[in-house]
Amino acid sequence: MELKHLRAIERFNLVIAAVICLGSLLFWRRGIALGAFLGAGLAVVNFWAIRKVSEAGLKTRSERKRLVLISFLVAKMGALMALVYLAIRYLPINVLAFIVGLSTFLVSIMIVSFRVHADAAET
């Protein structure tokens, strides 16, 4: 996957997250909207961090810097898991809405993958 694909995934992630957040705000109660907002926010920040680290990793030739970046990704994943646990355990949110918001990046990856595959099939 190229850097332009990571940027496309990030853009789709922002759009899908915005649609989910606005829809939940307009049509559901506060706990559902809060869950969707938190989940989508975590998904957006998570993929932003993945893209930044991936870009830095692809640009560097230093093995030491790549190891530091890999360590950062592991730490980021641990922090994400901790934040998900804390949100589900202690915040007055709807867990299903939170999971839907958190899953926006999966839909974004799927959309971009289909588009890349369709473009490759045409050429």
PDB file of N, CA and C in Angstrom:
ATOM      1  N   MET A   1       0.846  -1.177   0.000  1.00  0.00           N
ATOM      2  CA  MET A   1       0.000   0.000   0.000  1.00  0.00           C
ATOM      3  C   MET A   1       0.891   1.239   0.000  1.00  0.00           C
ATOM      4  N   GLU A   2       0.529   2.176  -0.833  1.00  0.00           N
ATOM      5  CA  GLU A   2       1.306   3.394  -0.965  1.00  0.00           C
ATOM      6  C   GLU A   2       0.815   4.466   0.009  1.00  0.00           C
ATOM      7  N   LEU A   3       1.632   5.507   0.160  1.00  0.00           N
ATOM      8  CA  LEU A   3       1.263   6.597   1.068  1.00  0.00           C
ATOM      9  C   LEU A   3      -0.029   7.289   0.644  1.00  0.00           C
ATOM     10  N   LYS A   4      -0.241   7.403  -0.663  1.00  0.00           N
ATOM     11  CA  LYS A   4      -1.474   8.053  -1.122  1.00  0.00           C
ATOM     12  C   LYS A   4      -2.696   7.251  -0.683  1.00  0.00           C
ATOM     13  N   HIS A   5      -2.554   5.938  -0.565  1.00  0.00           N
ATOM     14  CA  HIS A   5      -3.677   5.118  -0.107  1.00  0.00           C
ATOM     15  C   HIS A   5      -3.934   5.344   1.387  1.00  0.00           C
ATOM     16  N   LEU A   6      -2.870   5.517   2.149  1.00  0.00           N
ATOM     17  CA  LEU A   6      -3.048   5.807   3.574  1.00  0.00           C
ATOM     18  C   LEU A   6      -3.762   7.140   3.775  1.00  0.00           C
ATOM     19  N   ARG A   7      -3.397   8.114   2.951  1.00  0.00           N
ATOM     20  CA  ARG A   7      -4.066   9.421   3.036  1.00  0.00           C
ATOM     21  C   ARG A   7      -5.539   9.306   2.633  1.00  0.00           C
ATOM     22  N   ALA A   8      -5.814   8.501   1.617  1.00  0.00           N
ATOM     23  CA  ALA A   8      -7.204   8.299   1.189  1.00  0.00           C
ATOM     24  C   ALA A   8      -8.013   7.618   2.296  1.00  0.00           C
ATOM     25  N   ILE A   9      -7.417   6.634   2.946  1.00  0.00           N
ATOM     26  CA  ILE A   9      -8.098   5.966   4.060  1.00  0.00           C
ATOM     27  C   ILE A   9      -8.387   6.973   5.162  1.00  0.00           C
ATOM     28  N   GLU A  10      -7.426   7.819   5.449  1.00  0.00           N
ATOM     29  CA  GLU A  10      -7.617   8.828   6.504  1.00  0.00           C
ATOM     30  C   GLU A  10      -8.760   9.787   6.150  1.00  0.00           C
ATOM     31  N   ARG A  11      -8.824  10.211   4.890  1.00  0.00           N
ATOM     32  CA  ARG A  11      -9.904  11.110   4.462  1.00  0.00           C
ATOM     33  C   ARG A  11     -11.271  10.423   4.579  1.00  0.00           C
ATOM     34  N   PHE A  12     -11.365   9.188   4.082  1.00  0.00           N
ATOM     35  CA  PHE A  12     -12.627   8.455   4.198  1.00  0.00           C
ATOM     36  C   PHE A  12     -13.003   8.248   5.658  1.00  0.00           C
ATOM     37  N   ASN A  13     -12.006   7.994   6.484  1.00  0.00           N
ATOM     38  CA  ASN A  13     -12.248   7.801   7.910  1.00  0.00           C
ATOM     39  C   ASN A  13     -12.867   9.050   8.525  1.00  0.00           C
ATOM     40  N   LEU A  14     -12.355  10.210   8.165  1.00  0.00           N
ATOM     41  CA  LEU A  14     -12.905  11.469   8.672  1.00  0.00           C
ATOM     42  C   LEU A  14     -14.342  11.688   8.207  1.00  0.00           C
ATOM     43  N   VAL A  15     -14.606  11.396   6.947  1.00  0.00           N
ATOM     44  CA  VAL A  15     -15.951  11.589   6.405  1.00  0.00           C
ATOM     45  C   VAL A  15     -16.940  10.637   7.069  1.00  0.00           C
ATOM     46  N   ILE A  16     -16.589   9.363   7.164  1.00  0.00           N
ATOM     47  CA  ILE A  16     -17.480   8.376   7.777  1.00  0.00           C
ATOM     48  C   ILE A  16     -17.699   8.707   9.251  1.00  0.00           C
ATOM     49  N   ALA A  17     -16.644   9.098   9.944  1.00  0.00           N
ATOM     50  CA  ALA A  17     -16.771   9.466  11.360  1.00  0.00           C
ATOM     51  C   ALA A  17     -17.705  10.662  11.518  1.00  0.00           C
ATOM     52  N   ALA A  18     -17.578  11.649  10.638  1.00  0.00           N
ATOM     53  CA  ALA A  18     -18.449  12.823  10.711  1.00  0.00           C
ATOM     54  C   ALA A  18     -19.904  12.446  10.473  1.00  0.00           C
ATOM     55  N   VAL A  19     -20.157  11.571   9.511  1.00  0.00           N
ATOM     56  CA  VAL A  19     -21.530  11.139   9.224  1.00  0.00           C
ATOM     57  C   VAL A  19     -22.106  10.394  10.422  1.00  0.00           C
ATOM     58  N   ILE A  20     -21.320   9.496  11.003  1.00  0.00           N
ATOM     59  CA  ILE A  20     -21.804   8.740  12.168  1.00  0.00           C
ATOM     60  C   ILE A  20     -22.063   9.677  13.345  1.00  0.00           C
ATOM     61  N   CYS A  21     -21.162  10.600  13.584  1.00  0.00           N
ATOM     62  CA  CYS A  21     -21.333  11.526  14.710  1.00  0.00           C
ATOM     63  C   CYS A  21     -22.548  12.428  14.525  1.00  0.00           C
ATOM     64  N   LEU A  22     -22.685  12.996  13.353  1.00  0.00           N
ATOM     65  CA  LEU A  22     -23.841  13.870  13.102  1.00  0.00           C
ATOM     66  C   LEU A  22     -25.147  13.086  13.148  1.00  0.00           C
ATOM     67  N   GLY A  23     -25.142  11.901  12.564  1.00  0.00           N
ATOM     68  CA  GLY A  23     -26.348  11.080  12.594  1.00  0.00           C
ATOM     69  C   GLY A  23     -26.745  10.696  14.003  1.00  0.00           C
ATOM     70  N   SER A  24     -25.776  10.316  14.817  1.00  0.00           N
ATOM     71  CA  SER A  24     -26.093   9.937  16.196  1.00  0.00           C
ATOM     72  C   SER A  24     -26.544  11.145  17.009  1.00  0.00           C
ATOM     73  N   LEU A  25     -25.974  12.286  16.715  1.00  0.00           N
ATOM     74  CA  LEU A  25     -26.363  13.503  17.428  1.00  0.00           C
ATOM     75  C   LEU A  25     -27.795  13.918  17.085  1.00  0.00           C
ATOM     76  N   LEU A  26     -28.167  13.735  15.833  1.00  0.00           N
ATOM     77  CA  LEU A  26     -29.496  14.147  15.390  1.00  0.00           C
ATOM     78  C   LEU A  26     -30.597  13.143  15.759  1.00  0.00           C
ATOM     79  N   PHE A  27     -30.266  11.856  15.761  1.00  0.00           N
ATOM     80  CA  PHE A  27     -31.322  10.858  15.857  1.00  0.00           C
ATOM     81  C   PHE A  27     -31.332  10.015  17.133  1.00  0.00           C
ATOM     82  N   TRP A  28     -30.309  10.133  17.971  1.00  0.00           N
ATOM     83  CA  TRP A  28     -30.254   9.274  19.150  1.00  0.00           C
ATOM     84  C   TRP A  28     -30.053  10.097  20.412  1.00  0.00           C
ATOM     85  N   ARG A  29     -30.158   9.413  21.535  1.00  0.00           N
ATOM     86  CA  ARG A  29     -30.000  10.098  22.819  1.00  0.00           C
ATOM     87  C   ARG A  29     -28.523  10.344  23.118  1.00  0.00           C
ATOM     88  N   ARG A  30     -28.271  11.034  24.210  1.00  0.00           N
ATOM     89  CA  ARG A  30     -26.931  11.516  24.553  1.00  0.00           C
ATOM     90  C   ARG A  30     -25.898  10.400  24.713  1.00  0.00           C
ATOM     91  N   GLY A  31     -26.238   9.300  25.392  1.00  0.00           N
ATOM     92  CA  GLY A  31     -25.271   8.217  25.610  1.00  0.00           C
ATOM     93  C   GLY A  31     -24.822   7.563  24.318  1.00  0.00           C
ATOM     94  N   ILE A  32     -25.755   7.437  23.376  1.00  0.00           N
ATOM     95  CA  ILE A  32     -25.406   6.865  22.075  1.00  0.00           C
ATOM     96  C   ILE A  32     -24.520   7.837  21.305  1.00  0.00           C
ATOM     97  N   ALA A  33     -24.902   9.113  21.306  1.00  0.00           N
ATOM     98  CA  ALA A  33     -24.098  10.120  20.596  1.00  0.00           C
ATOM     99  C   ALA A  33     -22.691  10.215  21.187  1.00  0.00           C
ATOM    100  N   LEU A  34     -22.596  10.194  22.513  1.00  0.00           N
ATOM    101  CA  LEU A  34     -21.282  10.264  23.157  1.00  0.00           C
ATOM    102  C   LEU A  34     -20.434   9.048  22.800  1.00  0.00           C
ATOM    103  N   GLY A  35     -21.048   7.878  22.801  1.00  0.00           N
ATOM    104  CA  GLY A  35     -20.313   6.666  22.419  1.00  0.00           C
ATOM    105  C   GLY A  35     -19.806   6.736  20.994  1.00  0.00           C
ATOM    106  N   ALA A  36     -20.665   7.187  20.080  1.00  0.00           N
ATOM    107  CA  ALA A  36     -20.258   7.309  18.681  1.00  0.00           C
ATOM    108  C   ALA A  36     -19.143   8.340  18.513  1.00  0.00           C
ATOM    109  N   PHE A  37     -19.268   9.479  19.194  1.00  0.00           N
ATOM    110  CA  PHE A  37     -18.235  10.515  19.120  1.00  0.00           C
ATOM    111  C   PHE A  37     -16.893  10.003  19.642  1.00  0.00           C
ATOM    112  N   LEU A  38     -16.906   9.366  20.805  1.00  0.00           N
ATOM    113  CA  LEU A  38     -15.652   8.871  21.378  1.00  0.00           C
ATOM    114  C   LEU A  38     -15.029   7.783  20.514  1.00  0.00           C
ATOM    115  N   GLY A  39     -15.845   6.851  20.051  1.00  0.00           N
ATOM    116  CA  GLY A  39     -15.322   5.783  19.205  1.00  0.00           C
ATOM    117  C   GLY A  39     -14.743   6.313  17.904  1.00  0.00           C
ATOM    118  N   ALA A  40     -15.498   7.191  17.254  1.00  0.00           N
ATOM    119  CA  ALA A  40     -15.020   7.765  15.990  1.00  0.00           C
ATOM    120  C   ALA A  40     -13.781   8.631  16.217  1.00  0.00           C
ATOM    121  N   GLY A  41     -13.768   9.374  17.309  1.00  0.00           N
ATOM    122  CA  GLY A  41     -12.592  10.196  17.616  1.00  0.00           C
ATOM    123  C   GLY A  41     -11.350   9.354  17.827  1.00  0.00           C
ATOM    124  N   LEU A  42     -11.500   8.259  18.569  1.00  0.00           N
ATOM    125  CA  LEU A  42     -10.358   7.356  18.763  1.00  0.00           C
ATOM    126  C   LEU A  42      -9.905   6.755  17.440  1.00  0.00           C
ATOM    127  N   ALA A  43     -10.852   6.398  16.583  1.00  0.00           N
ATOM    128  CA  ALA A  43     -10.498   5.812  15.287  1.00  0.00           C
ATOM    129  C   ALA A  43      -9.729   6.809  14.424  1.00  0.00           C
ATOM    130  N   VAL A  44     -10.182   8.050  14.421  1.00  0.00           N
ATOM    131  CA  VAL A  44      -9.519   9.079  13.610  1.00  0.00           C
ATOM    132  C   VAL A  44      -8.105   9.338  14.123  1.00  0.00           C
ATOM    133  N   VAL A  45      -7.964   9.514  15.424  1.00  0.00           N
ATOM    134  CA  VAL A  45      -6.639   9.774  16.006  1.00  0.00           C
ATOM    135  C   VAL A  45      -5.727   8.559  15.820  1.00  0.00           C
ATOM    136  N   ASN A  46      -6.268   7.366  15.993  1.00  0.00           N
ATOM    137  CA  ASN A  46      -5.492   6.142  15.826  1.00  0.00           C
ATOM    138  C   ASN A  46      -4.953   6.032  14.403  1.00  0.00           C
ATOM    139  N   PHE A  47      -5.810   6.233  13.408  1.00  0.00           N
ATOM    140  CA  PHE A  47      -5.320   6.087  12.042  1.00  0.00           C
ATOM    141  C   PHE A  47      -4.395   7.228  11.650  1.00  0.00           C
ATOM    142  N   TRP A  48      -4.625   8.411  12.195  1.00  0.00           N
ATOM    143  CA  TRP A  48      -3.696   9.520  11.939  1.00  0.00           C
ATOM    144  C   TRP A  48      -2.297   9.139  12.426  1.00  0.00           C
ATOM    145  N   ALA A  49      -2.224   8.571  13.633  1.00  0.00           N
ATOM    146  CA  ALA A  49      -0.927   8.161  14.189  1.00  0.00           C
ATOM    147  C   ALA A  49      -0.301   7.052  13.350  1.00  0.00           C
ATOM    148  N   ILE A  50      -1.102   6.108  12.903  1.00  0.00           N
ATOM    149  CA  ILE A  50      -0.583   5.030  12.051  1.00  0.00           C
ATOM    150  C   ILE A  50      -0.005   5.610  10.762  1.00  0.00           C
ATOM    151  N   ARG A  51      -0.715   6.549  10.151  1.00  0.00           N
ATOM    152  CA  ARG A  51      -0.232   7.146   8.904  1.00  0.00           C
ATOM    153  C   ARG A  51       1.067   7.914   9.121  1.00  0.00           C
ATOM    154  N   LYS A  52       1.128   8.699  10.188  1.00  0.00           N
ATOM    155  CA  LYS A  52       2.341   9.484  10.447  1.00  0.00           C
ATOM    156  C   LYS A  52       3.545   8.575  10.675  1.00  0.00           C
ATOM    157  N   VAL A  53       3.364   7.525  11.466  1.00  0.00           N
ATOM    158  CA  VAL A  53       4.469   6.602  11.739  1.00  0.00           C
ATOM    159  C   VAL A  53       4.853   5.849  10.465  1.00  0.00           C
ATOM    160  N   SER A  54       3.873   5.444   9.675  1.00  0.00           N
ATOM    161  CA  SER A  54       4.164   4.735   8.423  1.00  0.00           C
ATOM    162  C   SER A  54       4.938   5.628   7.461  1.00  0.00           C
ATOM    163  N   GLU A  55       4.529   6.883   7.347  1.00  0.00           N
ATOM    164  CA  GLU A  55       5.250   7.812   6.478  1.00  0.00           C
ATOM    165  C   GLU A  55       6.691   7.982   6.942  1.00  0.00           C
ATOM    166  N   ALA A  56       6.880   8.161   8.235  1.00  0.00           N
ATOM    167  CA  ALA A  56       8.236   8.334   8.768  1.00  0.00           C
ATOM    168  C   ALA A  56       9.061   7.070   8.545  1.00  0.00           C
ATOM    169  N   GLY A  57       8.447   5.915   8.725  1.00  0.00           N
ATOM    170  CA  GLY A  57       9.164   4.655   8.535  1.00  0.00           C
ATOM    171  C   GLY A  57       9.578   4.420   7.096  1.00  0.00           C
ATOM    172  N   LEU A  58       8.735   4.845   6.161  1.00  0.00           N
ATOM    173  CA  LEU A  58       9.070   4.660   4.757  1.00  0.00           C
ATOM    174  C   LEU A  58      10.110   5.663   4.274  1.00  0.00           C
ATOM    175  N   LYS A  59      10.215   6.799   4.948  1.00  0.00           N
ATOM    176  CA  LYS A  59      11.163   7.828   4.523  1.00  0.00           C
ATOM    177  C   LYS A  59      12.557   7.625   5.098  1.00  0.00           C
ATOM    178  N   THR A  60      12.679   6.912   6.204  1.00  0.00           N
ATOM    179  CA  THR A  60      13.978   6.772   6.852  1.00  0.00           C
ATOM    180  C   THR A  60      14.723   5.540   6.356  1.00  0.00           C
ATOM    181  N   ARG A  61      16.041   5.630   6.412  1.00  0.00           N
ATOM    182  CA  ARG A  61      16.884   4.480   6.075  1.00  0.00           C
ATOM    183  C   ARG A  61      17.521   3.889   7.330  1.00  0.00           C
ATOM    184  N   SER A  62      17.367   4.569   8.428  1.00  0.00           N
ATOM    185  CA  SER A  62      17.993   4.153   9.678  1.00  0.00           C
ATOM    186  C   SER A  62      17.206   3.004  10.323  1.00  0.00           C
ATOM    187  N   GLU A  63      17.894   1.897  10.577  1.00  0.00           N
ATOM    188  CA  GLU A  63      17.256   0.761  11.245  1.00  0.00           C
ATOM    189  C   GLU A  63      16.855   1.119  12.670  1.00  0.00           C
ATOM    190  N   ARG A  64      17.687   1.918  13.329  1.00  0.00           N
ATOM    191  CA  ARG A  64      17.373   2.308  14.703  1.00  0.00           C
ATOM    192  C   ARG A  64      16.094   3.129  14.762  1.00  0.00           C
ATOM    193  N   LYS A  65      15.933   4.058  13.835  1.00  0.00           N
ATOM    194  CA  LYS A  65      14.725   4.872  13.813  1.00  0.00           C
ATOM    195  C   LYS A  65      13.506   3.999  13.506  1.00  0.00           C
ATOM    196  N   ARG A  66      13.658   3.028  12.623  1.00  0.00           N
ATOM    197  CA  ARG A  66      12.542   2.123  12.327  1.00  0.00           C
ATOM    198  C   ARG A  66      12.146   1.322  13.558  1.00  0.00           C
ATOM    199  N   LEU A  67      13.118   0.891  14.338  1.00  0.00           N
ATOM    200  CA  LEU A  67      12.807   0.165  15.571  1.00  0.00           C
ATOM    201  C   LEU A  67      12.072   1.061  16.568  1.00  0.00           C
ATOM    202  N   VAL A  68      12.475   2.310  16.643  1.00  0.00           N
ATOM    203  CA  VAL A  68      11.785   3.259  17.518  1.00  0.00           C
ATOM    204  C   VAL A  68      10.345   3.455  17.046  1.00  0.00           C
ATOM    205  N   LEU A  69      10.152   3.558  15.739  1.00  0.00           N
ATOM    206  CA  LEU A  69       8.807   3.734  15.200  1.00  0.00           C
ATOM    207  C   LEU A  69       7.931   2.505  15.451  1.00  0.00           C
ATOM    208  N   ILE A  70       8.510   1.327  15.313  1.00  0.00           N
ATOM    209  CA  ILE A  70       7.770   0.094  15.617  1.00  0.00           C
ATOM    210  C   ILE A  70       7.397   0.065  17.091  1.00  0.00           C
ATOM    211  N   SER A  71       8.326   0.477  17.946  1.00  0.00           N
ATOM    212  CA  SER A  71       8.028   0.544  19.382  1.00  0.00           C
ATOM    213  C   SER A  71       6.907   1.533  19.662  1.00  0.00           C
ATOM    214  N   PHE A  72       6.902   2.638  18.925  1.00  0.00           N
ATOM    215  CA  PHE A  72       5.828   3.617  19.078  1.00  0.00           C
ATOM    216  C   PHE A  72       4.479   3.016  18.687  1.00  0.00           C
ATOM    217  N   LEU A  73       4.459   2.237  17.603  1.00  0.00           N
ATOM    218  CA  LEU A  73       3.202   1.602  17.189  1.00  0.00           C
ATOM    219  C   LEU A  73       2.689   0.630  18.247  1.00  0.00           C
ATOM    220  N   VAL A  74       3.599  -0.107  18.857  1.00  0.00           N
ATOM    221  CA  VAL A  74       3.204  -1.041  19.918  1.00  0.00           C
ATOM    222  C   VAL A  74       2.647  -0.262  21.115  1.00  0.00           C
ATOM    223  N   ALA A  75       3.325   0.808  21.496  1.00  0.00           N
ATOM    224  CA  ALA A  75       2.859   1.629  22.614  1.00  0.00           C
ATOM    225  C   ALA A  75       1.516   2.286  22.283  1.00  0.00           C
ATOM    226  N   LYS A  76       1.349   2.723  21.040  1.00  0.00           N
ATOM    227  CA  LYS A  76       0.093   3.328  20.608  1.00  0.00           C
ATOM    228  C   LYS A  76      -1.050   2.334  20.711  1.00  0.00           C
ATOM    229  N   MET A  77      -0.788   1.101  20.320  1.00  0.00           N
ATOM    230  CA  MET A  77      -1.821   0.070  20.401  1.00  0.00           C
ATOM    231  C   MET A  77      -2.186  -0.208  21.856  1.00  0.00           C
ATOM    232  N   GLY A  78      -1.200  -0.256  22.720  1.00  0.00           N
ATOM    233  CA  GLY A  78      -1.466  -0.437  24.144  1.00  0.00           C
ATOM    234  C   GLY A  78      -2.290   0.701  24.713  1.00  0.00           C
ATOM    235  N   ALA A  79      -1.958   1.927  24.328  1.00  0.00           N
ATOM    236  CA  ALA A  79      -2.713   3.090  24.792  1.00  0.00           C
ATOM    237  C   ALA A  79      -4.145   3.051  24.269  1.00  0.00           C
ATOM    238  N   LEU A  80      -4.313   2.636  23.017  1.00  0.00           N
ATOM    239  CA  LEU A  80      -5.656   2.525  22.450  1.00  0.00           C
ATOM    240  C   LEU A  80      -6.475   1.493  23.220  1.00  0.00           C
ATOM    241  N   MET A  81      -5.883   0.343  23.505  1.00  0.00           N
ATOM    242  CA  MET A  81      -6.593  -0.681  24.273  1.00  0.00           C
ATOM    243  C   MET A  81      -6.983  -0.174  25.655  1.00  0.00           C
ATOM    244  N   ALA A  82      -6.075   0.549  26.288  1.00  0.00           N
ATOM    245  CA  ALA A  82      -6.370   1.096  27.618  1.00  0.00           C
ATOM    246  C   ALA A  82      -7.500   2.119  27.548  1.00  0.00           C
ATOM    247  N   LEU A  83      -7.480   2.980  26.539  1.00  0.00           N
ATOM    248  CA  LEU A  83      -8.533   3.988  26.394  1.00  0.00           C
ATOM    249  C   LEU A  83      -9.892   3.346  26.102  1.00  0.00           C
ATOM    250  N   VAL A  84      -9.892   2.301  25.289  1.00  0.00           N
ATOM    251  CA  VAL A  84     -11.143   1.591  25.006  1.00  0.00           C
ATOM    252  C   VAL A  84     -11.690   0.973  26.287  1.00  0.00           C
ATOM    253  N   TYR A  85     -10.823   0.327  27.053  1.00  0.00           N
ATOM    254  CA  TYR A  85     -11.259  -0.277  28.318  1.00  0.00           C
ATOM    255  C   TYR A  85     -11.818   0.784  29.264  1.00  0.00           C
ATOM    256  N   LEU A  86     -11.089   1.872  29.439  1.00  0.00           N
ATOM    257  CA  LEU A  86     -11.527   2.920  30.359  1.00  0.00           C
ATOM    258  C   LEU A  86     -12.851   3.552  29.916  1.00  0.00           C
ATOM    259  N   ALA A  87     -13.010   3.755  28.616  1.00  0.00           N
ATOM    260  CA  ALA A  87     -14.254   4.356  28.124  1.00  0.00           C
ATOM    261  C   ALA A  87     -15.433   3.427  28.376  1.00  0.00           C
ATOM    262  N   ILE A  88     -15.261   2.148  28.074  1.00  0.00           N
ATOM    263  CA  ILE A  88     -16.352   1.192  28.266  1.00  0.00           C
ATOM    264  C   ILE A  88     -16.660   1.004  29.749  1.00  0.00           C
ATOM    265  N   ARG A  89     -15.629   0.971  30.559  1.00  0.00           N
ATOM    266  CA  ARG A  89     -15.799   0.687  31.989  1.00  0.00           C
ATOM    267  C   ARG A  89     -16.369   1.861  32.780  1.00  0.00           C
ATOM    268  N   TYR A  90     -15.917   3.090  32.469  1.00  0.00           N
ATOM    269  CA  TYR A  90     -16.224   4.209  33.355  1.00  0.00           C
ATOM    270  C   TYR A  90     -17.099   5.318  32.764  1.00  0.00           C
ATOM    271  N   LEU A  91     -17.284   5.364  31.490  1.00  0.00           N
ATOM    272  CA  LEU A  91     -18.057   6.458  30.903  1.00  0.00           C
ATOM    273  C   LEU A  91     -19.492   6.031  30.624  1.00  0.00           C
ATOM    274  N   PRO A  92     -20.424   6.978  30.734  1.00  0.00           N
ATOM    275  CA  PRO A  92     -21.839   6.655  30.489  1.00  0.00           C
ATOM    276  C   PRO A  92     -22.165   6.653  28.990  1.00  0.00           C
ATOM    277  N   ILE A  93     -21.580   5.697  28.281  1.00  0.00           N
ATOM    278  CA  ILE A  93     -21.766   5.636  26.837  1.00  0.00           C
ATOM    279  C   ILE A  93     -22.472   4.344  26.452  1.00  0.00           C
ATOM    280  N   ASN A  94     -23.032   4.349  25.268  1.00  0.00           N
ATOM    281  CA  ASN A  94     -23.585   3.144  24.681  1.00  0.00           C
ATOM    282  C   ASN A  94     -22.437   2.393  24.021  1.00  0.00           C
ATOM    283  N   VAL A  95     -22.182   1.180  24.474  1.00  0.00           N
ATOM    284  CA  VAL A  95     -21.016   0.424  24.002  1.00  0.00           C
ATOM    285  C   VAL A  95     -21.141   0.093  22.516  1.00  0.00           C
ATOM    286  N   LEU A  96     -22.326  -0.242  22.064  1.00  0.00           N
ATOM    287  CA  LEU A  96     -22.510  -0.558  20.648  1.00  0.00           C
ATOM    288  C   LEU A  96     -22.198   0.658  19.774  1.00  0.00           C
ATOM    289  N   ALA A  97     -22.660   1.828  20.174  1.00  0.00           N
ATOM    290  CA  ALA A  97     -22.363   3.052  19.426  1.00  0.00           C
ATOM    291  C   ALA A  97     -20.862   3.338  19.442  1.00  0.00           C
ATOM    292  N   PHE A  98     -20.232   3.077  20.560  1.00  0.00           N
ATOM    293  CA  PHE A  98     -18.781   3.266  20.680  1.00  0.00           C
ATOM    294  C   PHE A  98     -18.047   2.349  19.698  1.00  0.00           C
ATOM    295  N   ILE A  99     -18.468   1.102  19.631  1.00  0.00           N
ATOM    296  CA  ILE A  99     -17.826   0.139  18.719  1.00  0.00           C
ATOM    297  C   ILE A  99     -18.066   0.527  17.267  1.00  0.00           C
ATOM    298  N   VAL A 100     -19.280   0.989  16.967  1.00  0.00           N
ATOM    299  CA  VAL A 100     -19.565   1.440  15.600  1.00  0.00           C
ATOM    300  C   VAL A 100     -18.656   2.624  15.244  1.00  0.00           C
ATOM    301  N   GLY A 101     -18.519   3.573  16.142  1.00  0.00           N
ATOM    302  CA  GLY A 101     -17.636   4.708  15.887  1.00  0.00           C
ATOM    303  C   GLY A 101     -16.185   4.288  15.740  1.00  0.00           C
ATOM    304  N   LEU A 102     -15.761   3.366  16.573  1.00  0.00           N
ATOM    305  CA  LEU A 102     -14.380   2.880  16.524  1.00  0.00           C
ATOM    306  C   LEU A 102     -14.097   2.094  15.249  1.00  0.00           C
ATOM    307  N   SER A 103     -15.120   1.524  14.668  1.00  0.00           N
ATOM    308  CA  SER A 103     -14.951   0.683  13.474  1.00  0.00           C
ATOM    309  C   SER A 103     -14.918   1.467  12.171  1.00  0.00           C
ATOM    310  N   THR A 104     -14.993   2.773  12.229  1.00  0.00           N
ATOM    311  CA  THR A 104     -15.021   3.564  10.999  1.00  0.00           C
ATOM    312  C   THR A 104     -13.776   3.338  10.150  1.00  0.00           C
ATOM    313  N   PHE A 105     -12.626   3.125  10.790  1.00  0.00           N
ATOM    314  CA  PHE A 105     -11.414   2.950  10.003  1.00  0.00           C
ATOM    315  C   PHE A 105     -11.447   1.643   9.211  1.00  0.00           C
ATOM    316  N   LEU A 106     -12.146   0.632   9.711  1.00  0.00           N
ATOM    317  CA  LEU A 106     -12.262  -0.621   8.964  1.00  0.00           C
ATOM    318  C   LEU A 106     -13.050  -0.419   7.675  1.00  0.00           C
ATOM    319  N   VAL A 107     -14.125   0.341   7.759  1.00  0.00           N
ATOM    320  CA  VAL A 107     -14.921   0.655   6.571  1.00  0.00           C
ATOM    321  C   VAL A 107     -14.088   1.483   5.594  1.00  0.00           C
ATOM    322  N   SER A 108     -13.315   2.417   6.111  1.00  0.00           N
ATOM    323  CA  SER A 108     -12.459   3.251   5.262  1.00  0.00           C
ATOM    324  C   SER A 108     -11.432   2.404   4.523  1.00  0.00           C
ATOM    325  N   ILE A 109     -10.816   1.482   5.222  1.00  0.00           N
ATOM    326  CA  ILE A 109      -9.828   0.596   4.595  1.00  0.00           C
ATOM    327  C   ILE A 109     -10.494  -0.234   3.508  1.00  0.00           C
ATOM    328  N   MET A 110     -11.679  -0.746   3.780  1.00  0.00           N
ATOM    329  CA  MET A 110     -12.392  -1.556   2.808  1.00  0.00           C
ATOM    330  C   MET A 110     -12.727  -0.746   1.557  1.00  0.00           C
ATOM    331  N   ILE A 111     -13.223   0.468   1.729  1.00  0.00           N
ATOM    332  CA  ILE A 111     -13.581   1.303   0.576  1.00  0.00           C
ATOM    333  C   ILE A 111     -12.363   1.596  -0.282  1.00  0.00           C
ATOM    334  N   VAL A 112     -11.272   2.012   0.341  1.00  0.00           N
ATOM    335  CA  VAL A 112     -10.061   2.337  -0.424  1.00  0.00           C
ATOM    336  C   VAL A 112      -9.499   1.084  -1.092  1.00  0.00           C
ATOM    337  N   SER A 113      -9.540  -0.049  -0.421  1.00  0.00           N
ATOM    338  CA  SER A 113      -9.055  -1.297  -1.017  1.00  0.00           C
ATOM    339  C   SER A 113      -9.856  -1.662  -2.261  1.00  0.00           C
ATOM    340  N   PHE A 114     -11.181  -1.517  -2.189  1.00  0.00           N
ATOM    341  CA  PHE A 114     -12.012  -1.794  -3.355  1.00  0.00           C
ATOM    342  C   PHE A 114     -11.687  -0.845  -4.497  1.00  0.00           C
ATOM    343  N   ARG A 115     -11.482   0.425  -4.162  1.00  0.00           N
ATOM    344  CA  ARG A 115     -11.165   1.409  -5.202  1.00  0.00           C
ATOM    345  C   ARG A 115      -9.813   1.119  -5.857  1.00  0.00           C
ATOM    346  N   VAL A 116      -8.819   0.765  -5.055  1.00  0.00           N
ATOM    347  CA  VAL A 116      -7.488   0.452  -5.586  1.00  0.00           C
ATOM    348  C   VAL A 116      -7.565  -0.781  -6.477  1.00  0.00           C
ATOM    349  N   HIS A 117      -8.303  -1.784  -6.009  1.00  0.00           N
ATOM    350  CA  HIS A 117      -8.443  -3.013  -6.797  1.00  0.00           C
ATOM    351  C   HIS A 117      -9.173  -2.729  -8.112  1.00  0.00           C
ATOM    352  N   ALA A 118     -10.214  -1.911  -8.062  1.00  0.00           N
ATOM    353  CA  ALA A 118     -10.954  -1.566  -9.287  1.00  0.00           C
ATOM    354  C   ALA A 118     -10.078  -0.792 -10.260  1.00  0.00           C
ATOM    355  N   ASP A 119      -9.270   0.128  -9.731  1.00  0.00           N
ATOM    356  CA  ASP A 119      -8.356   0.890 -10.596  1.00  0.00           C
ATOM    357  C   ASP A 119      -7.305  -0.021 -11.232  1.00  0.00           C
ATOM    358  N   ALA A 120      -6.813  -0.994 -10.466  1.00  0.00           N
ATOM    359  CA  ALA A 120      -5.812  -1.921 -10.996  1.00  0.00           C
ATOM    360  C   ALA A 120      -6.418  -2.837 -12.043  1.00  0.00           C
ATOM    361  N   ALA A 121      -7.682  -3.209 -11.882  1.00  0.00           N
ATOM    362  CA  ALA A 121      -8.344  -4.082 -12.845  1.00  0.00           C
ATOM    363  C   ALA A 121      -8.580  -3.374 -14.179  1.00  0.00           C
ATOM    364  N   GLU A 122      -8.772  -2.053 -14.132  1.00  0.00           N
ATOM    365  CA  GLU A 122      -9.022  -1.280 -15.348  1.00  0.00           C
ATOM    366  C   GLU A 122      -7.757  -1.098 -16.171  1.00  0.00           C
ATOM    367  N   THR A 123      -6.600  -1.122 -15.543  1.00  0.00           N
ATOM    368  CA  THR A 123      -5.361  -0.876 -16.303  1.00  0.00           C
ATOM    369  C   THR A 123      -4.752  -2.123 -16.834  1.00  0.00           C
TER     370      THR A 123
END
